[in-house]
């Protein structure tokens, strides 16, 4: 399955390639199995495998066989690695960074909405100048603002968090919630199933 070039930064061959590179470049000290990455990124295994082969041939990733599994990692020694990492972090990185930084106590659902989510969903438009984050749950506002500051420091772009209760999310009488639900948003963290399990 071939995906179109991503609206966030159409210099990449596909959305799948950009997401794979983002995950690997933002976690350079980790090695991942191709099957694990396909599941993590929600990409068909055959598609991810083709992208891995291309990136391996270009020297942007390194790989090795371990039994029947192929393990890959970012090639931090590639001359373009630092610049590529910075580029990926400010364009596709919000999905990864927001998920990591906003995993605060009480957060049940974390999503990005607004212009970044619209570009991520493939809607054309100017590059986002900030990242809008909705956190659903009962969170300490100090934790929320600390998470936004950490994400801002990593991404180099303003991160604007808002919080709503689960009731407000499920019953969108709130104008902002209704607006978010009617437009593009990207869920980056969802712990609701873990609570029910």
Protein backbone atom coordinates (compact mmCIF):
# COMPACT_ATOMS: atom_id res chain seq x y z
CA UNK A 1 0.00 0.00 0.00
CA UNK A 2 1.61 3.25 -1.14
CA UNK A 3 0.81 6.40 0.81
CA UNK A 4 1.06 9.87 -0.64
CA UNK A 5 3.73 12.35 0.34
CA UNK A 6 2.84 13.83 3.74
CA UNK A 7 1.25 17.30 3.90
CA UNK A 8 3.35 18.15 6.98
CA UNK A 9 6.50 18.07 4.88
CA UNK A 10 6.09 16.67 1.37
CA UNK A 11 9.82 16.15 0.83
CA UNK A 12 9.44 12.62 2.17
CA UNK A 13 8.49 9.79 -0.14
CA UNK A 14 5.51 8.76 1.97
CA UNK A 15 3.84 9.26 5.34
CA UNK A 16 5.05 5.77 6.30
CA UNK A 17 8.65 6.63 5.53
CA UNK A 18 8.46 9.87 7.53
CA UNK A 19 6.90 8.13 10.54
CA UNK A 20 9.46 5.31 10.45
CA UNK A 21 12.36 7.75 10.24
CA UNK A 22 10.88 9.91 12.99
CA UNK A 23 10.54 7.01 15.38
CA UNK A 24 14.06 5.73 14.70
CA UNK A 25 15.80 9.12 14.70
CA UNK A 26 14.08 10.23 17.92
CA UNK A 27 15.10 6.95 19.61
CA UNK A 28 18.66 6.49 18.25
CA UNK A 29 19.87 4.30 21.10
CA UNK A 30 17.21 1.64 20.58
CA UNK A 31 17.04 -1.26 18.18
CA UNK A 32 13.65 -2.42 16.92
CA UNK A 33 12.29 -5.46 15.13
CA UNK A 34 10.57 -4.71 11.82
CA UNK A 35 7.41 -6.54 12.98
CA UNK A 36 7.35 -4.52 16.22
CA UNK A 37 7.72 -1.25 14.30
CA UNK A 38 4.96 -2.20 11.86
CA UNK A 39 2.60 -2.74 14.80
CA UNK A 40 3.76 0.38 16.66
CA UNK A 41 3.35 2.60 13.59
CA UNK A 42 0.21 0.82 12.35
CA UNK A 43 1.77 0.18 8.93
CA UNK A 44 1.43 -3.05 6.92
CA UNK A 45 4.52 -5.21 7.44
CA UNK A 46 5.27 -5.49 3.71
CA UNK A 47 5.11 -1.69 3.33
CA UNK A 48 7.37 -1.11 6.31
CA UNK A 49 9.81 -3.74 5.08
CA UNK A 50 10.14 -1.93 1.72
CA UNK A 51 10.80 1.36 3.50
CA UNK A 52 13.41 -0.29 5.73
CA UNK A 53 15.21 -1.73 2.69
CA UNK A 54 15.32 1.71 1.03
CA UNK A 55 16.58 3.44 4.17
CA UNK A 56 19.16 0.71 4.80
CA UNK A 57 20.46 1.04 1.23
CA UNK A 58 20.73 4.81 1.76
CA UNK A 59 22.68 4.25 4.98
CA UNK A 60 20.16 6.12 7.16
CA UNK A 61 19.47 2.99 9.22
CA UNK A 62 21.52 -0.04 10.10
CA UNK A 63 20.09 -3.51 10.29
CA UNK A 64 21.05 -6.98 11.35
CA UNK A 65 19.40 -10.38 11.33
CA UNK A 66 18.54 -12.08 14.59
CA UNK A 67 17.05 -15.45 13.75
CA UNK A 68 14.10 -14.75 11.49
CA UNK A 69 13.73 -11.17 12.69
CA UNK A 70 15.41 -8.11 11.22
CA UNK A 71 16.51 -5.53 13.77
CA UNK A 72 17.01 -1.90 12.77
CA UNK A 73 18.15 1.33 14.34
CA UNK A 74 18.96 4.85 13.22
CA UNK A 75 22.46 5.30 11.84
CA UNK A 76 23.62 8.21 14.00
CA UNK A 77 26.91 8.20 12.11
CA UNK A 78 25.32 9.18 8.79
CA UNK A 79 26.40 12.70 7.75
CA UNK A 80 22.76 13.81 7.47
CA UNK A 81 21.58 12.21 10.74
CA UNK A 82 21.70 15.32 12.96
CA UNK A 83 20.00 17.59 10.42
CA UNK A 84 17.43 14.95 9.51
CA UNK A 85 16.63 14.33 13.17
CA UNK A 86 16.06 18.03 13.75
CA UNK A 87 13.84 18.28 10.67
CA UNK A 88 11.79 15.24 11.69
CA UNK A 89 11.47 16.42 15.26
CA UNK A 90 9.85 19.74 14.32
CA UNK A 91 7.55 18.25 11.67
CA UNK A 92 6.51 14.71 12.63
CA UNK A 93 8.02 14.70 16.13
CA UNK A 94 5.03 16.21 17.94
CA UNK A 95 3.20 12.87 17.78
CA UNK A 96 6.07 11.11 19.59
CA UNK A 97 7.12 13.97 21.87
CA UNK A 98 3.62 14.88 23.05
CA UNK A 99 2.87 11.22 23.81
CA UNK A 100 6.03 10.94 25.89
CA UNK A 101 5.80 14.26 27.73
CA UNK A 102 2.05 14.25 28.43
CA UNK A 103 2.00 10.77 29.98
CA UNK A 104 1.25 12.48 33.30
CA UNK A 105 -0.77 11.07 36.22
CA UNK A 106 -4.49 11.22 35.49
CA UNK A 107 -4.20 11.64 31.71
CA UNK A 108 -6.55 9.12 30.10
CA UNK A 109 -6.54 10.47 26.55
CA UNK A 110 -4.07 12.87 24.92
CA UNK A 111 -4.52 14.22 21.41
CA UNK A 112 -3.17 16.87 19.12
CA UNK A 113 -5.71 19.04 17.31
CA UNK A 114 -5.60 22.22 15.23
CA UNK A 115 -3.29 22.98 12.32
CA UNK A 116 -0.70 20.29 13.10
CA UNK A 117 -3.36 17.57 13.21
CA UNK A 118 -4.88 18.89 9.99
CA UNK A 119 -1.52 18.69 8.17
CA UNK A 120 -0.85 15.26 9.66
CA UNK A 121 -4.23 14.12 8.32
CA UNK A 122 -3.18 15.30 4.84
CA UNK A 123 -5.00 18.63 4.66
CA UNK A 124 -3.02 21.22 2.71
CA UNK A 125 -2.13 24.50 4.34
CA UNK A 126 0.69 26.52 5.84
CA UNK A 127 3.07 24.87 8.30
CA UNK A 128 1.80 24.87 11.89
CA UNK A 129 3.21 27.54 14.19
CA UNK A 130 2.16 25.81 17.39
CA UNK A 131 0.90 22.49 18.71
CA UNK A 132 -2.54 22.32 20.34
CA UNK A 133 -2.93 19.48 22.85
CA UNK A 134 -6.09 18.25 24.55
CA UNK A 135 -5.69 16.14 27.68
CA UNK A 136 -8.77 14.25 28.88
CA UNK A 137 -8.74 13.22 32.52
CA UNK A 138 -8.10 14.58 35.98
CA UNK A 139 -4.63 16.07 35.84
CA UNK A 140 -2.75 18.53 37.98
CA UNK A 141 -2.44 21.72 35.96
CA UNK A 142 1.18 22.12 37.11
CA UNK A 143 1.96 18.70 35.55
CA UNK A 144 0.17 19.80 32.39
CA UNK A 145 2.16 23.02 32.03
CA UNK A 146 5.44 21.28 32.91
CA UNK A 147 4.71 18.74 30.15
CA UNK A 148 4.01 21.58 27.70
CA UNK A 149 7.29 23.28 28.65
CA UNK A 150 9.25 20.05 28.15
CA UNK A 151 7.59 19.41 24.78
CA UNK A 152 8.26 23.01 23.74
CA UNK A 153 11.94 22.65 24.69
CA UNK A 154 12.26 19.46 22.62
CA UNK A 155 10.29 20.64 19.59
CA UNK A 156 11.23 24.31 19.48
CA UNK A 157 7.58 25.20 18.87
CA UNK A 158 4.93 26.48 21.29
CA UNK A 159 2.74 23.78 22.85
CA UNK A 160 -0.70 24.88 24.06
CA UNK A 161 -2.43 22.39 26.39
CA UNK A 162 -6.07 22.33 27.42
CA UNK A 163 -7.75 19.86 29.74
CA UNK A 164 -11.27 18.46 29.79
CA UNK A 165 -12.92 15.76 31.87
CA UNK A 166 -13.95 12.41 30.40
CA UNK A 167 -17.58 13.50 30.77
CA UNK A 168 -16.90 16.67 28.76
CA UNK A 169 -15.20 14.60 26.03
CA UNK A 170 -17.98 12.02 25.83
CA UNK A 171 -20.79 14.59 25.89
CA UNK A 172 -19.55 17.48 23.77
CA UNK A 173 -21.69 20.37 25.02
CA UNK A 174 -18.36 22.20 25.41
CA UNK A 175 -17.75 24.29 22.26
CA UNK A 176 -14.04 23.44 22.07
CA UNK A 177 -14.67 19.70 22.39
CA UNK A 178 -17.37 19.86 19.72
CA UNK A 179 -14.98 21.75 17.42
CA UNK A 180 -12.16 19.22 17.99
CA UNK A 181 -14.46 16.25 17.37
CA UNK A 182 -15.68 17.83 14.13
CA UNK A 183 -12.18 18.37 12.75
CA UNK A 184 -8.90 16.50 12.40
CA UNK A 185 -7.25 15.29 15.59
CA UNK A 186 -4.56 12.72 16.31
CA UNK A 187 -4.72 10.58 19.44
CA UNK A 188 -1.19 10.09 20.76
CA UNK A 189 -1.93 8.45 24.11
CA UNK A 190 -4.97 6.45 25.20
CA UNK A 191 -4.90 4.65 28.55
CA UNK A 192 -8.68 4.17 28.82
CA UNK A 193 -8.55 0.49 27.75
CA UNK A 194 -5.82 -0.22 30.29
CA UNK A 195 -8.09 0.97 33.06
CA UNK A 196 -10.93 -1.30 31.91
CA UNK A 197 -8.72 -4.37 31.47
